[in-house]
PDB file of N, CA and C in Angstrom:
ATOM      1  N   UNK A   1      32.907   0.590   5.665  1.00  0.00           N
ATOM      2  CA  UNK A   1      31.960   0.293   4.619  1.00  0.00           C
ATOM      3  C   UNK A   1      32.429  -0.879   3.770  1.00  0.00           C
ATOM      4  N   UNK A   2      33.725  -0.970   3.592  1.00  0.00           N
ATOM      5  CA  UNK A   2      34.267  -2.033   2.757  1.00  0.00           C
ATOM      6  C   UNK A   2      33.930  -3.407   3.334  1.00  0.00           C
ATOM      7  N   UNK A   3      33.935  -3.518   4.664  1.00  0.00           N
ATOM      8  CA  UNK A   3      33.616  -4.803   5.298  1.00  0.00           C
ATOM      9  C   UNK A   3      32.160  -5.185   5.031  1.00  0.00           C
ATOM     10  N   UNK A   4      31.256  -4.221   5.135  1.00  0.00           N
ATOM     11  CA  UNK A   4      29.849  -4.478   4.852  1.00  0.00           C
ATOM     12  C   UNK A   4      29.669  -4.903   3.404  1.00  0.00           C
ATOM     13  N   UNK A   5      30.347  -4.222   2.503  1.00  0.00           N
ATOM     14  CA  UNK A   5      30.255  -4.571   1.088  1.00  0.00           C
ATOM     15  C   UNK A   5      30.768  -5.984   0.841  1.00  0.00           C
ATOM     16  N   UNK A   6      31.814  -6.371   1.534  1.00  0.00           N
ATOM     17  CA  UNK A   6      32.355  -7.726   1.385  1.00  0.00           C
ATOM     18  C   UNK A   6      31.365  -8.773   1.884  1.00  0.00           C
ATOM     19  N   UNK A   7      30.715  -8.491   3.015  1.00  0.00           N
ATOM     20  CA  UNK A   7      29.685  -9.405   3.531  1.00  0.00           C
ATOM     21  C   UNK A   7      28.524  -9.521   2.540  1.00  0.00           C
ATOM     22  N   UNK A   8      28.133  -8.394   1.983  1.00  0.00           N
ATOM     23  CA  UNK A   8      27.054  -8.397   0.995  1.00  0.00           C
ATOM     24  C   UNK A   8      27.432  -9.203  -0.246  1.00  0.00           C
ATOM     25  N   UNK A   9      28.676  -9.088  -0.667  1.00  0.00           N
ATOM     26  CA  UNK A   9      29.131  -9.840  -1.842  1.00  0.00           C
ATOM     27  C   UNK A   9      29.011 -11.344  -1.625  1.00  0.00           C
ATOM     28  N   UNK A  10      29.406 -11.799  -0.455  1.00  0.00           N
ATOM     29  CA  UNK A  10      29.312 -13.228  -0.141  1.00  0.00           C
ATOM     30  C   UNK A  10      27.856 -13.675  -0.188  1.00  0.00           C
ATOM     31  N   UNK A  11      26.991 -12.901   0.442  1.00  0.00           N
ATOM     32  CA  UNK A  11      25.563 -13.236   0.446  1.00  0.00           C
ATOM     33  C   UNK A  11      24.979 -13.164  -0.956  1.00  0.00           C
ATOM     34  N   UNK A  12      25.426 -12.187  -1.739  1.00  0.00           N
ATOM     35  CA  UNK A  12      24.947 -12.036  -3.116  1.00  0.00           C
ATOM     36  C   UNK A  12      25.267 -13.276  -3.935  1.00  0.00           C
ATOM     37  N   UNK A  13      26.455 -13.808  -3.801  1.00  0.00           N
ATOM     38  CA  UNK A  13      26.819 -15.004  -4.563  1.00  0.00           C
ATOM     39  C   UNK A  13      25.994 -16.208  -4.124  1.00  0.00           C
ATOM     40  N   UNK A  14      25.651 -16.255  -2.832  1.00  0.00           N
ATOM     41  CA  UNK A  14      24.763 -17.325  -2.358  1.00  0.00           C
ATOM     42  C   UNK A  14      23.377 -17.188  -2.996  1.00  0.00           C
ATOM     43  N   UNK A  15      22.869 -15.968  -3.005  1.00  0.00           N
ATOM     44  CA  UNK A  15      21.550 -15.727  -3.599  1.00  0.00           C
ATOM     45  C   UNK A  15      21.555 -15.963  -5.105  1.00  0.00           C
ATOM     46  N   UNK A  16      22.663 -15.631  -5.744  1.00  0.00           N
ATOM     47  CA  UNK A  16      22.772 -15.757  -7.202  1.00  0.00           C
ATOM     48  C   UNK A  16      22.691 -17.214  -7.649  1.00  0.00           C
ATOM     49  N   UNK A  17      22.987 -18.142  -6.756  1.00  0.00           N
ATOM     50  CA  UNK A  17      22.898 -19.563  -7.090  1.00  0.00           C
ATOM     51  C   UNK A  17      21.451 -20.029  -7.221  1.00  0.00           C
ATOM     52  N   UNK A  18      20.518 -19.257  -6.636  1.00  0.00           N
ATOM     53  CA  UNK A  18      19.096 -19.580  -6.725  1.00  0.00           C
ATOM     54  C   UNK A  18      18.563 -19.033  -8.045  1.00  0.00           C
ATOM     55  N   UNK A  19      18.325 -19.906  -8.988  1.00  0.00           N
ATOM     56  CA  UNK A  19      17.927 -19.491 -10.328  1.00  0.00           C
ATOM     57  C   UNK A  19      16.542 -18.859 -10.383  1.00  0.00           C
ATOM     58  N   UNK A  20      15.769 -18.989  -9.322  1.00  0.00           N
ATOM     59  CA  UNK A  20      14.422 -18.435  -9.320  1.00  0.00           C
ATOM     60  C   UNK A  20      14.403 -16.957  -8.933  1.00  0.00           C
ATOM     61  N   UNK A  21      15.493 -16.448  -8.383  1.00  0.00           N
ATOM     62  CA  UNK A  21      15.541 -15.057  -7.952  1.00  0.00           C
ATOM     63  C   UNK A  21      16.000 -14.144  -9.079  1.00  0.00           C
ATOM     64  N   UNK A  22      15.312 -13.024  -9.230  1.00  0.00           N
ATOM     65  CA  UNK A  22      15.757 -12.004 -10.187  1.00  0.00           C
ATOM     66  C   UNK A  22      16.785 -11.121  -9.494  1.00  0.00           C
ATOM     67  N   UNK A  23      17.469 -10.292 -10.256  1.00  0.00           N
ATOM     68  CA  UNK A  23      18.429  -9.376  -9.641  1.00  0.00           C
ATOM     69  C   UNK A  23      17.703  -8.390  -8.726  1.00  0.00           C
ATOM     70  N   UNK A  24      16.496  -7.990  -9.093  1.00  0.00           N
ATOM     71  CA  UNK A  24      15.723  -7.093  -8.228  1.00  0.00           C
ATOM     72  C   UNK A  24      15.362  -7.787  -6.917  1.00  0.00           C
ATOM     73  N   UNK A  25      15.016  -9.072  -6.989  1.00  0.00           N
ATOM     74  CA  UNK A  25      14.741  -9.838  -5.768  1.00  0.00           C
ATOM     75  C   UNK A  25      15.972  -9.861  -4.867  1.00  0.00           C
ATOM     76  N   UNK A  26      17.128 -10.109  -5.460  1.00  0.00           N
ATOM     77  CA  UNK A  26      18.366 -10.169  -4.686  1.00  0.00           C
ATOM     78  C   UNK A  26      18.670  -8.821  -4.052  1.00  0.00           C
ATOM     79  N   UNK A  27      18.465  -7.740  -4.791  1.00  0.00           N
ATOM     80  CA  UNK A  27      18.664  -6.391  -4.261  1.00  0.00           C
ATOM     81  C   UNK A  27      17.783  -6.172  -3.037  1.00  0.00           C
ATOM     82  N   UNK A  28      16.504  -6.505  -3.167  1.00  0.00           N
ATOM     83  CA  UNK A  28      15.556  -6.324  -2.069  1.00  0.00           C
ATOM     84  C   UNK A  28      15.933  -7.171  -0.851  1.00  0.00           C
ATOM     85  N   UNK A  29      16.337  -8.406  -1.080  1.00  0.00           N
ATOM     86  CA  UNK A  29      16.732  -9.300   0.013  1.00  0.00           C
ATOM     87  C   UNK A  29      17.954  -8.745   0.748  1.00  0.00           C
ATOM     88  N   UNK A  30      18.960  -8.317  -0.010  1.00  0.00           N
ATOM     89  CA  UNK A  30      20.163  -7.773   0.613  1.00  0.00           C
ATOM     90  C   UNK A  30      19.847  -6.530   1.439  1.00  0.00           C
ATOM     91  N   UNK A  31      19.043  -5.653   0.881  1.00  0.00           N
ATOM     92  CA  UNK A  31      18.691  -4.434   1.616  1.00  0.00           C
ATOM     93  C   UNK A  31      17.925  -4.770   2.889  1.00  0.00           C
ATOM     94  N   UNK A  32      17.026  -5.724   2.785  1.00  0.00           N
ATOM     95  CA  UNK A  32      16.237  -6.104   3.958  1.00  0.00           C
ATOM     96  C   UNK A  32      17.125  -6.779   5.012  1.00  0.00           C
ATOM     97  N   UNK A  33      17.938  -7.724   4.606  1.00  0.00           N
ATOM     98  CA  UNK A  33      18.772  -8.461   5.557  1.00  0.00           C
ATOM     99  C   UNK A  33      19.801  -7.579   6.257  1.00  0.00           C
ATOM    100  N   UNK A  34      20.309  -6.571   5.557  1.00  0.00           N
ATOM    101  CA  UNK A  34      21.349  -5.714   6.127  1.00  0.00           C
ATOM    102  C   UNK A  34      20.819  -4.347   6.542  1.00  0.00           C
ATOM    103  N   UNK A  35      19.490  -4.225   6.612  1.00  0.00           N
ATOM    104  CA  UNK A  35      18.827  -3.003   7.082  1.00  0.00           C
ATOM    105  C   UNK A  35      19.288  -1.768   6.317  1.00  0.00           C
ATOM    106  N   UNK A  36      19.311  -1.906   4.986  1.00  0.00           N
ATOM    107  CA  UNK A  36      19.696  -0.795   4.126  1.00  0.00           C
ATOM    108  C   UNK A  36      18.451  -0.113   3.579  1.00  0.00           C
ATOM    109  N   UNK A  37      18.540   1.177   3.354  1.00  0.00           N
ATOM    110  CA  UNK A  37      17.439   1.960   2.813  1.00  0.00           C
ATOM    111  C   UNK A  37      17.381   1.733   1.303  1.00  0.00           C
ATOM    112  N   UNK A  38      16.559   0.789   0.892  1.00  0.00           N
ATOM    113  CA  UNK A  38      16.482   0.390  -0.516  1.00  0.00           C
ATOM    114  C   UNK A  38      16.061   1.540  -1.415  1.00  0.00           C
ATOM    115  N   UNK A  39      15.122   2.362  -0.963  1.00  0.00           N
ATOM    116  CA  UNK A  39      14.660   3.485  -1.786  1.00  0.00           C
ATOM    117  C   UNK A  39      15.775   4.487  -2.040  1.00  0.00           C
ATOM    118  N   UNK A  40      16.519   4.831  -0.997  1.00  0.00           N
ATOM    119  CA  UNK A  40      17.630   5.773  -1.154  1.00  0.00           C
ATOM    120  C   UNK A  40      18.687   5.218  -2.109  1.00  0.00           C
ATOM    121  N   UNK A  41      19.039   3.952  -1.903  1.00  0.00           N
ATOM    122  CA  UNK A  41      20.097   3.350  -2.725  1.00  0.00           C
ATOM    123  C   UNK A  41      19.638   3.179  -4.166  1.00  0.00           C
ATOM    124  N   UNK A  42      18.385   2.776  -4.365  1.00  0.00           N
ATOM    125  CA  UNK A  42      17.863   2.636  -5.725  1.00  0.00           C
ATOM    126  C   UNK A  42      17.900   3.984  -6.447  1.00  0.00           C
ATOM    127  N   UNK A  43      17.552   5.042  -5.754  1.00  0.00           N
ATOM    128  CA  UNK A  43      17.593   6.372  -6.353  1.00  0.00           C
ATOM    129  C   UNK A  43      19.027   6.772  -6.690  1.00  0.00           C
ATOM    130  N   UNK A  44      19.951   6.499  -5.772  1.00  0.00           N
ATOM    131  CA  UNK A  44      21.361   6.840  -6.002  1.00  0.00           C
ATOM    132  C   UNK A  44      21.952   6.067  -7.170  1.00  0.00           C
ATOM    133  N   UNK A  45      21.545   4.806  -7.314  1.00  0.00           N
ATOM    134  CA  UNK A  45      22.083   3.951  -8.376  1.00  0.00           C
ATOM    135  C   UNK A  45      21.286   4.032  -9.681  1.00  0.00           C
ATOM    136  N   UNK A  46      20.058   4.502  -9.588  1.00  0.00           N
ATOM    137  CA  UNK A  46      19.121   4.516 -10.718  1.00  0.00           C
ATOM    138  C   UNK A  46      18.780   3.107 -11.187  1.00  0.00           C
ATOM    139  N   UNK A  47      18.885   2.146 -10.278  1.00  0.00           N
ATOM    140  CA  UNK A  47      18.547   0.766 -10.611  1.00  0.00           C
ATOM    141  C   UNK A  47      18.463  -0.049  -9.322  1.00  0.00           C
ATOM    142  N   UNK A  48      18.008  -1.287  -9.455  1.00  0.00           N
ATOM    143  CA  UNK A  48      17.963  -2.217  -8.329  1.00  0.00           C
ATOM    144  C   UNK A  48      18.897  -3.398  -8.623  1.00  0.00           C
ATOM    145  N   UNK A  49      20.143  -3.078  -8.841  1.00  0.00           N
ATOM    146  CA  UNK A  49      21.135  -4.098  -9.187  1.00  0.00           C
ATOM    147  C   UNK A  49      21.969  -4.436  -7.953  1.00  0.00           C
ATOM    148  N   UNK A  50      21.921  -5.688  -7.497  1.00  0.00           N
ATOM    149  CA  UNK A  50      22.687  -6.060  -6.307  1.00  0.00           C
ATOM    150  C   UNK A  50      24.199  -5.983  -6.525  1.00  0.00           C
ATOM    151  N   UNK A  51      24.636  -6.148  -7.754  1.00  0.00           N
ATOM    152  CA  UNK A  51      26.062  -6.080  -8.048  1.00  0.00           C
ATOM    153  C   UNK A  51      26.548  -4.627  -7.965  1.00  0.00           C
ATOM    154  N   UNK A  52      25.721  -3.701  -8.429  1.00  0.00           N
ATOM    155  CA  UNK A  52      26.037  -2.277  -8.304  1.00  0.00           C
ATOM    156  C   UNK A  52      25.988  -1.844  -6.847  1.00  0.00           C
ATOM    157  N   UNK A  53      25.108  -2.462  -6.076  1.00  0.00           N
ATOM    158  CA  UNK A  53      24.974  -2.141  -4.652  1.00  0.00           C
ATOM    159  C   UNK A  53      26.284  -2.372  -3.913  1.00  0.00           C
ATOM    160  N   UNK A  54      26.929  -3.489  -4.161  1.00  0.00           N
ATOM    161  CA  UNK A  54      28.179  -3.785  -3.452  1.00  0.00           C
ATOM    162  C   UNK A  54      29.269  -2.787  -3.849  1.00  0.00           C
ATOM    163  N   UNK A  55      29.339  -2.440  -5.111  1.00  0.00           N
ATOM    164  CA  UNK A  55      30.316  -1.444  -5.551  1.00  0.00           C
ATOM    165  C   UNK A  55      30.033  -0.080  -4.958  1.00  0.00           C
ATOM    166  N   UNK A  56      28.765   0.277  -4.901  1.00  0.00           N
ATOM    167  CA  UNK A  56      28.340   1.546  -4.326  1.00  0.00           C
ATOM    168  C   UNK A  56      28.769   1.639  -2.866  1.00  0.00           C
ATOM    169  N   UNK A  57      28.546   0.578  -2.105  1.00  0.00           N
ATOM    170  CA  UNK A  57      28.911   0.585  -0.686  1.00  0.00           C
ATOM    171  C   UNK A  57      30.418   0.658  -0.487  1.00  0.00           C
ATOM    172  N   UNK A  58      31.173   0.042  -1.366  1.00  0.00           N
ATOM    173  CA  UNK A  58      32.632   0.094  -1.253  1.00  0.00           C
ATOM    174  C   UNK A  58      33.158   1.513  -1.443  1.00  0.00           C
ATOM    175  N   UNK A  59      32.449   2.308  -2.237  1.00  0.00           N
ATOM    176  CA  UNK A  59      32.890   3.668  -2.532  1.00  0.00           C
ATOM    177  C   UNK A  59      32.449   4.685  -1.482  1.00  0.00           C
ATOM    178  N   UNK A  60      31.517   4.320  -0.630  1.00  0.00           N
ATOM    179  CA  UNK A  60      30.996   5.253   0.369  1.00  0.00           C
ATOM    180  C   UNK A  60      32.035   5.570   1.433  1.00  0.00           C
ATOM    181  N   UNK A  61      31.974   6.777   1.896  1.00  0.00           N
ATOM    182  CA  UNK A  61      32.755   7.175   3.057  1.00  0.00           C
ATOM    183  C   UNK A  61      31.930   6.853   4.296  1.00  0.00           C
ATOM    184  N   UNK A  62      32.558   6.713   5.428  1.00  0.00           N
ATOM    185  CA  UNK A  62      31.848   6.373   6.665  1.00  0.00           C
ATOM    186  C   UNK A  62      30.749   7.376   6.989  1.00  0.00           C
ATOM    187  N   UNK A  63      30.950   8.635   6.669  1.00  0.00           N
ATOM    188  CA  UNK A  63      29.950   9.655   6.963  1.00  0.00           C
ATOM    189  C   UNK A  63      28.706   9.502   6.100  1.00  0.00           C
ATOM    190  N   UNK A  64      28.834   8.924   4.933  1.00  0.00           N
ATOM    191  CA  UNK A  64      27.711   8.771   4.006  1.00  0.00           C
ATOM    192  C   UNK A  64      26.820   7.580   4.338  1.00  0.00           C
ATOM    193  N   UNK A  65      27.264   6.703   5.189  1.00  0.00           N
ATOM    194  CA  UNK A  65      26.526   5.467   5.474  1.00  0.00           C
ATOM    195  C   UNK A  65      25.187   5.747   6.131  1.00  0.00           C
ATOM    196  N   UNK A  66      25.063   6.826   6.869  1.00  0.00           N
ATOM    197  CA  UNK A  66      23.800   7.125   7.561  1.00  0.00           C
ATOM    198  C   UNK A  66      22.628   7.211   6.578  1.00  0.00           C
ATOM    199  N   UNK A  67      22.868   7.700   5.396  1.00  0.00           N
ATOM    200  CA  UNK A  67      21.811   7.793   4.387  1.00  0.00           C
ATOM    201  C   UNK A  67      21.371   6.430   3.890  1.00  0.00           C
ATOM    202  N   UNK A  68      22.239   5.464   3.976  1.00  0.00           N
ATOM    203  CA  UNK A  68      21.966   4.138   3.428  1.00  0.00           C
ATOM    204  C   UNK A  68      21.288   3.203   4.424  1.00  0.00           C
ATOM    205  N   UNK A  69      21.363   3.526   5.690  1.00  0.00           N
ATOM    206  CA  UNK A  69      20.786   2.647   6.706  1.00  0.00           C
ATOM    207  C   UNK A  69      19.301   2.909   6.861  1.00  0.00           C
ATOM    208  N   UNK A  70      18.577   1.867   7.107  1.00  0.00           N
ATOM    209  CA  UNK A  70      17.112   1.950   7.229  1.00  0.00           C
ATOM    210  C   UNK A  70      16.720   1.849   8.693  1.00  0.00           C
ATOM    211  N   UNK A  71      17.055   2.848   9.461  1.00  0.00           N
ATOM    212  CA  UNK A  71      16.730   2.867  10.902  1.00  0.00           C
ATOM    213  C   UNK A  71      15.798   3.998  11.193  1.00  0.00           C
TER     214      UNK A  71
END
């Protein structure tokens, strides 16, 4: 999970350079690009913050990842 979170962090910083994107836009883009279940994660975090998303993924155990994937 830590590797996925690291990849997301890199992409997040790229997206953050685009001043036209809101944090919610970035959250949605990251979830879509990495096939994450945005609804599940938003509920778990109580927000659509892309910065919280990366921290959340770093804390997940491998067994918990199934809930986060959008397959």
